[in-house]
PDB file of N, CA and C in Angstrom:
ATOM      1  N   UNK A   1     -11.991  16.832  -2.708  1.00  0.00           N
ATOM      2  CA  UNK A   1     -12.314  15.272  -2.569  1.00  0.00           C
ATOM      3  C   UNK A   1     -12.018  14.514  -0.837  1.00  0.00           C
ATOM      4  N   UNK A   2     -10.899  14.926  -0.766  1.00  0.00           N
ATOM      5  CA  UNK A   2     -10.037  14.219   0.368  1.00  0.00           C
ATOM      6  C   UNK A   2     -11.568  13.524   1.528  1.00  0.00           C
ATOM      7  N   UNK A   3     -12.513  14.676   1.834  1.00  0.00           N
ATOM      8  CA  UNK A   3     -13.279  14.447   2.833  1.00  0.00           C
ATOM      9  C   UNK A   3     -14.504  13.144   2.129  1.00  0.00           C
ATOM     10  N   UNK A   4     -14.914  13.338   0.445  1.00  0.00           N
ATOM     11  CA  UNK A   4     -15.780  12.782   0.308  1.00  0.00           C
ATOM     12  C   UNK A   4     -14.990  11.186  -0.095  1.00  0.00           C
ATOM     13  N   UNK A   5     -13.439  10.985  -0.252  1.00  0.00           N
ATOM     14  CA  UNK A   5     -12.904   9.703   0.114  1.00  0.00           C
ATOM     15  C   UNK A   5     -12.921   9.089   1.181  1.00  0.00           C
ATOM     16  N   UNK A   6     -12.734   9.724   2.576  1.00  0.00           N
ATOM     17  CA  UNK A   6     -13.392   9.317   3.633  1.00  0.00           C
ATOM     18  C   UNK A   6     -14.404   8.740   3.967  1.00  0.00           C
ATOM     19  N   UNK A   7     -15.454   9.697   3.330  1.00  0.00           N
ATOM     20  CA  UNK A   7     -16.653   9.322   3.581  1.00  0.00           C
ATOM     21  C   UNK A   7     -17.251   7.993   2.885  1.00  0.00           C
ATOM     22  N   UNK A   8     -16.572   7.900   1.489  1.00  0.00           N
ATOM     23  CA  UNK A   8     -16.533   6.516   0.957  1.00  0.00           C
ATOM     24  C   UNK A   8     -16.305   5.941   0.491  1.00  0.00           C
ATOM     25  N   UNK A   9     -15.303   4.861   1.529  1.00  0.00           N
ATOM     26  CA  UNK A   9     -14.226   4.153   1.869  1.00  0.00           C
ATOM     27  C   UNK A   9     -15.702   2.920   1.751  1.00  0.00           C
ATOM     28  N   UNK A  10     -14.693   1.904   0.744  1.00  0.00           N
ATOM     29  CA  UNK A  10     -15.424   0.373   0.501  1.00  0.00           C
ATOM     30  C   UNK A  10     -14.978  -0.566   1.664  1.00  0.00           C
ATOM     31  N   UNK A  11     -16.668  -1.179   2.454  1.00  0.00           N
ATOM     32  CA  UNK A  11     -16.298  -2.397   3.342  1.00  0.00           C
ATOM     33  C   UNK A  11     -15.053  -3.737   2.932  1.00  0.00           C
ATOM     34  N   UNK A  12     -14.542  -4.016   4.187  1.00  0.00           N
ATOM     35  CA  UNK A  12     -13.294  -5.180   3.294  1.00  0.00           C
ATOM     36  C   UNK A  12     -14.384  -6.634   3.808  1.00  0.00           C
ATOM     37  N   UNK A  13     -14.732  -7.183   2.411  1.00  0.00           N
ATOM     38  CA  UNK A  13     -16.074  -8.160   3.080  1.00  0.00           C
ATOM     39  C   UNK A  13     -14.967  -9.556   3.928  1.00  0.00           C
ATOM     40  N   UNK A  14     -13.719  -9.255   3.129  1.00  0.00           N
ATOM     41  CA  UNK A  14     -12.747 -10.525   4.367  1.00  0.00           C
ATOM     42  C   UNK A  14     -12.602 -10.651   5.476  1.00  0.00           C
ATOM     43  N   UNK A  15     -12.769  -9.123   5.753  1.00  0.00           N
ATOM     44  CA  UNK A  15     -13.275  -8.896   7.705  1.00  0.00           C
ATOM     45  C   UNK A  15     -14.627  -9.344   7.928  1.00  0.00           C
ATOM     46  N   UNK A  16     -15.458  -8.781   6.917  1.00  0.00           N
ATOM     47  CA  UNK A  16     -17.042  -9.258   7.300  1.00  0.00           C
ATOM     48  C   UNK A  16     -17.634 -10.386   7.649  1.00  0.00           C
ATOM     49  N   UNK A  17     -16.808 -11.252   6.563  1.00  0.00           N
ATOM     50  CA  UNK A  17     -17.536 -12.535   6.524  1.00  0.00           C
ATOM     51  C   UNK A  17     -16.848 -13.719   7.284  1.00  0.00           C
ATOM     52  N   UNK A  18     -15.204 -13.048   7.386  1.00  0.00           N
ATOM     53  CA  UNK A  18     -14.091 -14.489   8.184  1.00  0.00           C
ATOM     54  C   UNK A  18     -13.654 -13.801   9.204  1.00  0.00           C
ATOM     55  N   UNK A  19     -14.382 -12.513   9.852  1.00  0.00           N
ATOM     56  CA  UNK A  19     -13.895 -12.329  10.893  1.00  0.00           C
ATOM     57  C   UNK A  19     -12.487 -11.452  11.213  1.00  0.00           C
ATOM     58  N   UNK A  20     -10.911 -11.747   9.863  1.00  0.00           N
ATOM     59  CA  UNK A  20     -10.253 -11.547   9.912  1.00  0.00           C
ATOM     60  C   UNK A  20      -9.226 -10.138   8.662  1.00  0.00           C
ATOM     61  N   UNK A  21      -8.385  -9.496   9.206  1.00  0.00           N
ATOM     62  CA  UNK A  21      -7.931  -8.619   8.569  1.00  0.00           C
ATOM     63  C   UNK A  21      -8.378  -9.047   7.239  1.00  0.00           C
ATOM     64  N   UNK A  22      -7.611  -8.918   6.095  1.00  0.00           N
ATOM     65  CA  UNK A  22      -7.507  -8.793   4.826  1.00  0.00           C
ATOM     66  C   UNK A  22      -5.710  -8.885   4.047  1.00  0.00           C
ATOM     67  N   UNK A  23      -5.376  -9.371   3.356  1.00  0.00           N
ATOM     68  CA  UNK A  23      -3.748  -8.180   3.469  1.00  0.00           C
ATOM     69  C   UNK A  23      -3.495  -6.787   2.841  1.00  0.00           C
ATOM     70  N   UNK A  24      -5.082  -6.661   2.228  1.00  0.00           N
ATOM     71  CA  UNK A  24      -4.733  -5.055   1.973  1.00  0.00           C
ATOM     72  C   UNK A  24      -5.520  -4.163   2.840  1.00  0.00           C
ATOM     73  N   UNK A  25      -6.041  -4.140   3.698  1.00  0.00           N
ATOM     74  CA  UNK A  25      -6.745  -3.681   5.071  1.00  0.00           C
ATOM     75  C   UNK A  25      -5.600  -2.908   5.661  1.00  0.00           C
ATOM     76  N   UNK A  26      -6.707  -1.775   5.622  1.00  0.00           N
ATOM     77  CA  UNK A  26      -5.878  -0.451   5.830  1.00  0.00           C
ATOM     78  C   UNK A  26      -5.387   0.738   4.925  1.00  0.00           C
ATOM     79  N   UNK A  27      -5.499  -0.022   3.570  1.00  0.00           N
ATOM     80  CA  UNK A  27      -4.832   0.861   2.651  1.00  0.00           C
ATOM     81  C   UNK A  27      -5.859   2.017   2.243  1.00  0.00           C
ATOM     82  N   UNK A  28      -6.603   1.893   2.338  1.00  0.00           N
ATOM     83  CA  UNK A  28      -7.736   2.956   1.660  1.00  0.00           C
ATOM     84  C   UNK A  28      -7.666   4.273   3.213  1.00  0.00           C
ATOM     85  N   UNK A  29      -7.233   3.709   4.376  1.00  0.00           N
ATOM     86  CA  UNK A  29      -6.939   4.754   6.051  1.00  0.00           C
ATOM     87  C   UNK A  29      -5.873   5.072   4.920  1.00  0.00           C
ATOM     88  N   UNK A  30      -4.833   4.356   4.482  1.00  0.00           N
ATOM     89  CA  UNK A  30      -3.738   5.068   4.998  1.00  0.00           C
ATOM     90  C   UNK A  30      -3.623   5.958   3.440  1.00  0.00           C
ATOM     91  N   UNK A  31      -4.264   5.530   2.461  1.00  0.00           N
ATOM     92  CA  UNK A  31      -4.218   6.374   0.743  1.00  0.00           C
ATOM     93  C   UNK A  31      -4.619   8.208   1.525  1.00  0.00           C
ATOM     94  N   UNK A  32      -5.970   7.878   2.454  1.00  0.00           N
ATOM     95  CA  UNK A  32      -6.634   9.628   2.562  1.00  0.00           C
ATOM     96  C   UNK A  32      -5.814   9.806   3.993  1.00  0.00           C
ATOM     97  N   UNK A  33      -5.180   8.858   4.787  1.00  0.00           N
ATOM     98  CA  UNK A  33      -4.151  10.279   5.291  1.00  0.00           C
ATOM     99  C   UNK A  33      -3.222  10.840   4.765  1.00  0.00           C
ATOM    100  N   UNK A  34      -2.535  10.061   3.333  1.00  0.00           N
ATOM    101  CA  UNK A  34      -1.175  10.348   2.742  1.00  0.00           C
ATOM    102  C   UNK A  34      -1.786  11.603   2.593  1.00  0.00           C
ATOM    103  N   UNK A  35      -3.198  11.567   1.221  1.00  0.00           N
ATOM    104  CA  UNK A  35      -3.689  12.861   1.053  1.00  0.00           C
ATOM    105  C   UNK A  35      -3.320  14.284   1.781  1.00  0.00           C
ATOM    106  N   UNK A  36      -3.958  13.326   3.378  1.00  0.00           N
ATOM    107  CA  UNK A  36      -3.733  14.785   4.024  1.00  0.00           C
ATOM    108  C   UNK A  36      -2.890  15.307   4.635  1.00  0.00           C
ATOM    109  N   UNK A  37      -1.687  14.302   4.324  1.00  0.00           N
ATOM    110  CA  UNK A  37      -0.371  14.816   4.233  1.00  0.00           C
ATOM    111  C   UNK A  37       0.227  13.892   5.588  1.00  0.00           C
ATOM    112  N   UNK A  38      -0.297  13.434   6.206  1.00  0.00           N
ATOM    113  CA  UNK A  38       0.223  12.643   7.859  1.00  0.00           C
ATOM    114  C   UNK A  38       0.768  11.369   7.193  1.00  0.00           C
ATOM    115  N   UNK A  39       1.976  11.305   6.960  1.00  0.00           N
ATOM    116  CA  UNK A  39       2.652  10.519   6.321  1.00  0.00           C
ATOM    117  C   UNK A  39       3.103   9.455   7.886  1.00  0.00           C
ATOM    118  N   UNK A  40       2.867   9.798   8.431  1.00  0.00           N
ATOM    119  CA  UNK A  40       3.238   8.515   9.955  1.00  0.00           C
ATOM    120  C   UNK A  40       2.182   7.760   9.999  1.00  0.00           C
ATOM    121  N   UNK A  41       1.273   8.703   9.796  1.00  0.00           N
ATOM    122  CA  UNK A  41      -0.254   8.291  10.238  1.00  0.00           C
ATOM    123  C   UNK A  41      -0.646   7.144   8.929  1.00  0.00           C
ATOM    124  N   UNK A  42      -0.364   7.092   7.837  1.00  0.00           N
ATOM    125  CA  UNK A  42       0.130   6.513   6.730  1.00  0.00           C
ATOM    126  C   UNK A  42       0.687   4.515   6.628  1.00  0.00           C
ATOM    127  N   UNK A  43       1.780   5.490   7.289  1.00  0.00           N
ATOM    128  CA  UNK A  43       2.786   4.392   7.323  1.00  0.00           C
ATOM    129  C   UNK A  43       2.159   2.934   8.598  1.00  0.00           C
ATOM    130  N   UNK A  44       1.199   3.877   9.522  1.00  0.00           N
ATOM    131  CA  UNK A  44       1.028   3.067  10.582  1.00  0.00           C
ATOM    132  C   UNK A  44      -0.332   2.156  10.177  1.00  0.00           C
ATOM    133  N   UNK A  45      -1.018   2.779   8.994  1.00  0.00           N
ATOM    134  CA  UNK A  45      -2.000   2.401   8.527  1.00  0.00           C
ATOM    135  C   UNK A  45      -1.729   0.841   7.758  1.00  0.00           C
ATOM    136  N   UNK A  46      -1.070   1.684   7.402  1.00  0.00           N
ATOM    137  CA  UNK A  46      -0.563   0.415   5.943  1.00  0.00           C
ATOM    138  C   UNK A  46       1.136   0.685   5.480  1.00  0.00           C
ATOM    139  N   UNK A  47       1.991   0.125   6.205  1.00  0.00           N
ATOM    140  CA  UNK A  47       3.708   0.163   5.553  1.00  0.00           C
ATOM    141  C   UNK A  47       3.360   0.055   4.374  1.00  0.00           C
ATOM    142  N   UNK A  48       2.426  -0.834   3.597  1.00  0.00           N
ATOM    143  CA  UNK A  48       3.010  -1.334   1.788  1.00  0.00           C
ATOM    144  C   UNK A  48       3.096   0.034   1.331  1.00  0.00           C
ATOM    145  N   UNK A  49       2.509   0.916   1.541  1.00  0.00           N
ATOM    146  CA  UNK A  49       1.165   1.811   0.939  1.00  0.00           C
ATOM    147  C   UNK A  49       2.741   2.922   0.486  1.00  0.00           C
ATOM    148  N   UNK A  50       3.434   3.494   0.936  1.00  0.00           N
ATOM    149  CA  UNK A  50       4.474   4.236   0.075  1.00  0.00           C
ATOM    150  C   UNK A  50       5.428   3.289  -1.428  1.00  0.00           C
ATOM    151  N   UNK A  51       5.792   1.915   0.120  1.00  0.00           N
ATOM    152  CA  UNK A  51       6.688   1.501  -1.445  1.00  0.00           C
ATOM    153  C   UNK A  51       6.117   1.007  -2.671  1.00  0.00           C
ATOM    154  N   UNK A  52       4.265   0.334  -2.152  1.00  0.00           N
ATOM    155  CA  UNK A  52       3.977   0.560  -3.477  1.00  0.00           C
ATOM    156  C   UNK A  52       3.347   1.794  -4.610  1.00  0.00           C
ATOM    157  N   UNK A  53       3.444   3.019  -3.924  1.00  0.00           N
ATOM    158  CA  UNK A  53       3.660   4.147  -4.561  1.00  0.00           C
ATOM    159  C   UNK A  53       4.725   4.462  -5.878  1.00  0.00           C
ATOM    160  N   UNK A  54       6.375   4.236  -4.444  1.00  0.00           N
ATOM    161  CA  UNK A  54       6.937   5.136  -5.444  1.00  0.00           C
ATOM    162  C   UNK A  54       6.914   3.885  -6.317  1.00  0.00           C
ATOM    163  N   UNK A  55       6.549   2.388  -6.326  1.00  0.00           N
ATOM    164  CA  UNK A  55       7.021   1.142  -7.787  1.00  0.00           C
ATOM    165  C   UNK A  55       6.442   1.776  -8.480  1.00  0.00           C
ATOM    166  N   UNK A  56       4.807   2.129  -8.017  1.00  0.00           N
ATOM    167  CA  UNK A  56       3.620   2.367  -9.264  1.00  0.00           C
ATOM    168  C   UNK A  56       4.534   4.200 -10.399  1.00  0.00           C
ATOM    169  N   UNK A  57       4.902   4.553  -9.091  1.00  0.00           N
ATOM    170  CA  UNK A  57       6.312   5.581 -10.163  1.00  0.00           C
ATOM    171  C   UNK A  57       7.099   5.615 -11.214  1.00  0.00           C
ATOM    172  N   UNK A  58       7.854   4.752 -10.520  1.00  0.00           N
ATOM    173  CA  UNK A  58       8.976   3.784 -11.182  1.00  0.00           C
ATOM    174  C   UNK A  58       8.585   3.263 -12.587  1.00  0.00           C
ATOM    175  N   UNK A  59       7.733   2.314 -12.239  1.00  0.00           N
ATOM    176  CA  UNK A  59       7.237   1.693 -13.695  1.00  0.00           C
ATOM    177  C   UNK A  59       6.567   2.750 -14.418  1.00  0.00           C
ATOM    178  N   UNK A  60       5.805   3.998 -14.637  1.00  0.00           N
ATOM    179  CA  UNK A  60       5.152   4.874 -15.205  1.00  0.00           C
ATOM    180  C   UNK A  60       6.436   5.535 -15.664  1.00  0.00           C
ATOM    181  N   UNK A  61       7.614   5.908 -15.525  1.00  0.00           N
ATOM    182  CA  UNK A  61       8.965   6.477 -15.345  1.00  0.00           C
ATOM    183  C   UNK A  61       9.747   5.351 -16.524  1.00  0.00           C
ATOM    184  N   UNK A  62       9.523   4.345 -15.960  1.00  0.00           N
ATOM    185  CA  UNK A  62      10.381   3.467 -16.999  1.00  0.00           C
ATOM    186  C   UNK A  62       9.468   3.496 -18.510  1.00  0.00           C
ATOM    187  N   UNK A  63       8.190   3.171 -18.335  1.00  0.00           N
ATOM    188  CA  UNK A  63       7.847   2.915 -19.482  1.00  0.00           C
ATOM    189  C   UNK A  63       7.690   4.158 -20.361  1.00  0.00           C
ATOM    190  N   UNK A  64       7.801   5.350 -19.965  1.00  0.00           N
ATOM    191  CA  UNK A  64       8.113   6.243 -20.610  1.00  0.00           C
ATOM    192  C   UNK A  64       9.966   6.585 -21.038  1.00  0.00           C
ATOM    193  N   UNK A  65      10.285   6.313 -20.695  1.00  0.00           N
ATOM    194  CA  UNK A  65      11.993   6.743 -20.542  1.00  0.00           C
ATOM    195  C   UNK A  65      13.143   5.616 -20.542  1.00  0.00           C
ATOM    196  N   UNK A  66      11.823   4.383 -20.684  1.00  0.00           N
ATOM    197  CA  UNK A  66      12.487   3.149 -21.247  1.00  0.00           C
ATOM    198  C   UNK A  66      13.848   2.926 -20.468  1.00  0.00           C
ATOM    199  N   UNK A  67      14.371   3.304 -19.097  1.00  0.00           N
ATOM    200  CA  UNK A  67      15.686   2.867 -18.221  1.00  0.00           C
ATOM    201  C   UNK A  67      16.305   1.741 -19.035  1.00  0.00           C
ATOM    202  N   UNK A  68      17.430   1.574 -18.983  1.00  0.00           N
ATOM    203  CA  UNK A  68      18.380   0.476 -19.371  1.00  0.00           C
ATOM    204  C   UNK A  68      18.167  -0.773 -18.412  1.00  0.00           C
ATOM    205  N   UNK A  69      18.078  -0.389 -17.348  1.00  0.00           N
ATOM    206  CA  UNK A  69      17.592  -1.309 -16.461  1.00  0.00           C
ATOM    207  C   UNK A  69      16.586  -0.887 -14.964  1.00  0.00           C
ATOM    208  N   UNK A  70      15.568  -1.294 -15.374  1.00  0.00           N
ATOM    209  CA  UNK A  70      14.012  -0.131 -15.409  1.00  0.00           C
ATOM    210  C   UNK A  70      13.641  -1.754 -14.869  1.00  0.00           C
ATOM    211  N   UNK A  71      13.739  -2.694 -15.695  1.00  0.00           N
ATOM    212  CA  UNK A  71      13.087  -3.955 -15.539  1.00  0.00           C
ATOM    213  C   UNK A  71      13.143  -4.435 -14.238  1.00  0.00           C
ATOM    214  N   UNK A  72      14.582  -4.846 -13.753  1.00  0.00           N
ATOM    215  CA  UNK A  72      15.482  -5.126 -12.745  1.00  0.00           C
ATOM    216  C   UNK A  72      15.012  -4.391 -11.581  1.00  0.00           C
ATOM    217  N   UNK A  73      15.387  -3.022 -11.814  1.00  0.00           N
ATOM    218  CA  UNK A  73      14.555  -2.221 -10.690  1.00  0.00           C
ATOM    219  C   UNK A  73      13.254  -2.625 -10.337  1.00  0.00           C
ATOM    220  N   UNK A  74      12.495  -2.318 -10.887  1.00  0.00           N
ATOM    221  CA  UNK A  74      10.671  -3.199 -11.093  1.00  0.00           C
ATOM    222  C   UNK A  74      10.615  -4.523 -10.365  1.00  0.00           C
ATOM    223  N   UNK A  75      11.442  -5.347 -10.724  1.00  0.00           N
ATOM    224  CA  UNK A  75      11.352  -6.510 -10.241  1.00  0.00           C
ATOM    225  C   UNK A  75      11.758  -6.642  -8.254  1.00  0.00           C
ATOM    226  N   UNK A  76      12.868  -5.759  -8.517  1.00  0.00           N
ATOM    227  CA  UNK A  76      13.399  -5.634  -7.247  1.00  0.00           C
ATOM    228  C   UNK A  76      12.150  -5.322  -6.165  1.00  0.00           C
ATOM    229  N   UNK A  77      12.007  -4.084  -6.682  1.00  0.00           N
ATOM    230  CA  UNK A  77      10.792  -3.369  -6.236  1.00  0.00           C
ATOM    231  C   UNK A  77       9.150  -3.977  -5.419  1.00  0.00           C
ATOM    232  N   UNK A  78       9.131  -4.616  -6.826  1.00  0.00           N
ATOM    233  CA  UNK A  78       7.967  -5.427  -6.547  1.00  0.00           C
ATOM    234  C   UNK A  78       8.373  -6.291  -5.017  1.00  0.00           C
ATOM    235  N   UNK A  79       9.540  -7.031  -5.405  1.00  0.00           N
ATOM    236  CA  UNK A  79       9.906  -8.528  -4.534  1.00  0.00           C
ATOM    237  C   UNK A  79       9.788  -7.679  -3.203  1.00  0.00           C
ATOM    238  N   UNK A  80       9.946  -6.268  -2.452  1.00  0.00           N
ATOM    239  CA  UNK A  80      10.490  -5.455  -1.218  1.00  0.00           C
ATOM    240  C   UNK A  80       8.809  -4.993  -0.957  1.00  0.00           C
ATOM    241  N   UNK A  81       7.980  -4.271  -2.100  1.00  0.00           N
ATOM    242  CA  UNK A  81       6.638  -4.382  -1.641  1.00  0.00           C
ATOM    243  C   UNK A  81       5.724  -5.805  -1.323  1.00  0.00           C
ATOM    244  N   UNK A  82       6.184  -7.031  -1.813  1.00  0.00           N
ATOM    245  CA  UNK A  82       5.198  -7.975  -1.594  1.00  0.00           C
ATOM    246  C   UNK A  82       5.946  -8.241  -0.123  1.00  0.00           C
ATOM    247  N   UNK A  83       7.061  -8.278   0.302  1.00  0.00           N
ATOM    248  CA  UNK A  83       7.442  -8.930   1.658  1.00  0.00           C
ATOM    249  C   UNK A  83       6.926  -7.896   2.344  1.00  0.00           C
ATOM    250  N   UNK A  84       7.089  -6.529   2.227  1.00  0.00           N
ATOM    251  CA  UNK A  84       6.643  -5.845   3.287  1.00  0.00           C
ATOM    252  C   UNK A  84       4.681  -5.812   3.687  1.00  0.00           C
ATOM    253  N   UNK A  85       4.698  -6.433   2.566  1.00  0.00           N
ATOM    254  CA  UNK A  85       2.928  -6.832   2.778  1.00  0.00           C
ATOM    255  C   UNK A  85       3.079  -8.227   3.673  1.00  0.00           C
ATOM    256  N   UNK A  86       3.707  -9.015   3.238  1.00  0.00           N
ATOM    257  CA  UNK A  86       3.859 -10.003   4.300  1.00  0.00           C
ATOM    258  C   UNK A  86       3.737  -9.762   5.581  1.00  0.00           C
ATOM    259  N   UNK A  87       5.348  -9.181   5.689  1.00  0.00           N
ATOM    260  CA  UNK A  87       5.816  -8.929   7.480  1.00  0.00           C
ATOM    261  C   UNK A  87       4.892  -7.797   8.037  1.00  0.00           C
ATOM    262  N   UNK A  88       3.716  -7.201   7.227  1.00  0.00           N
ATOM    263  CA  UNK A  88       3.195  -5.947   7.773  1.00  0.00           C
ATOM    264  C   UNK A  88       2.027  -7.254   8.416  1.00  0.00           C
ATOM    265  N   UNK A  89       1.295  -7.925   7.457  1.00  0.00           N
ATOM    266  CA  UNK A  89       0.041  -8.395   7.465  1.00  0.00           C
ATOM    267  C   UNK A  89       0.599  -9.748   8.769  1.00  0.00           C
ATOM    268  N   UNK A  90       1.528 -10.512   9.066  1.00  0.00           N
ATOM    269  CA  UNK A  90       2.136 -11.078   9.594  1.00  0.00           C
ATOM    270  C   UNK A  90       1.621 -10.083  11.185  1.00  0.00           C
ATOM    271  N   UNK A  91       2.500  -9.467  11.268  1.00  0.00           N
ATOM    272  CA  UNK A  91       2.770  -8.926  12.123  1.00  0.00           C
ATOM    273  C   UNK A  91       1.547  -8.115  12.931  1.00  0.00           C
ATOM    274  N   UNK A  92       0.026  -7.922  12.053  1.00  0.00           N
ATOM    275  CA  UNK A  92      -1.087  -7.733  12.117  1.00  0.00           C
ATOM    276  C   UNK A  92      -1.594  -8.894  12.652  1.00  0.00           C
ATOM    277  N   UNK A  93      -1.283  -9.709  12.088  1.00  0.00           N
ATOM    278  CA  UNK A  93      -2.406 -10.537  12.910  1.00  0.00           C
ATOM    279  C   UNK A  93      -2.137 -11.305  14.134  1.00  0.00           C
ATOM    280  N   UNK A  94      -0.684 -11.446  14.524  1.00  0.00           N
ATOM    281  CA  UNK A  94       0.154 -11.451  15.786  1.00  0.00           C
ATOM    282  C   UNK A  94      -0.030 -10.605  17.126  1.00  0.00           C
ATOM    283  N   UNK A  95      -0.457  -9.120  16.279  1.00  0.00           N
ATOM    284  CA  UNK A  95      -0.142  -8.434  17.173  1.00  0.00           C
ATOM    285  C   UNK A  95       1.092  -7.778  17.868  1.00  0.00           C
ATOM    286  N   UNK A  96       1.921  -8.156  17.010  1.00  0.00           N
ATOM    287  CA  UNK A  96       3.289  -7.227  17.015  1.00  0.00           C
ATOM    288  C   UNK A  96       3.204  -6.127  17.142  1.00  0.00           C
TER     289      UNK A  96
END
């Protein structure tokens, strides 16, 4: 399955037409690296993937178990994911 995903990645139209990486560029490669067990490679391609997956797991657990403060934790996790996306995107654009 990982080989199939690796050979069928979608192109980034933002990069194709504007010549710039989009804020989501690298997510597919990061997911493939994570599925192969390469956590460091996954983080290198797209640092926000791991927090995003953690947020999705928290969301599912909150929907199933109805945690008392689950909504609050989801808000903070969401803000952390957004901040990670913004910081990593700015770092990528500036070459940092």
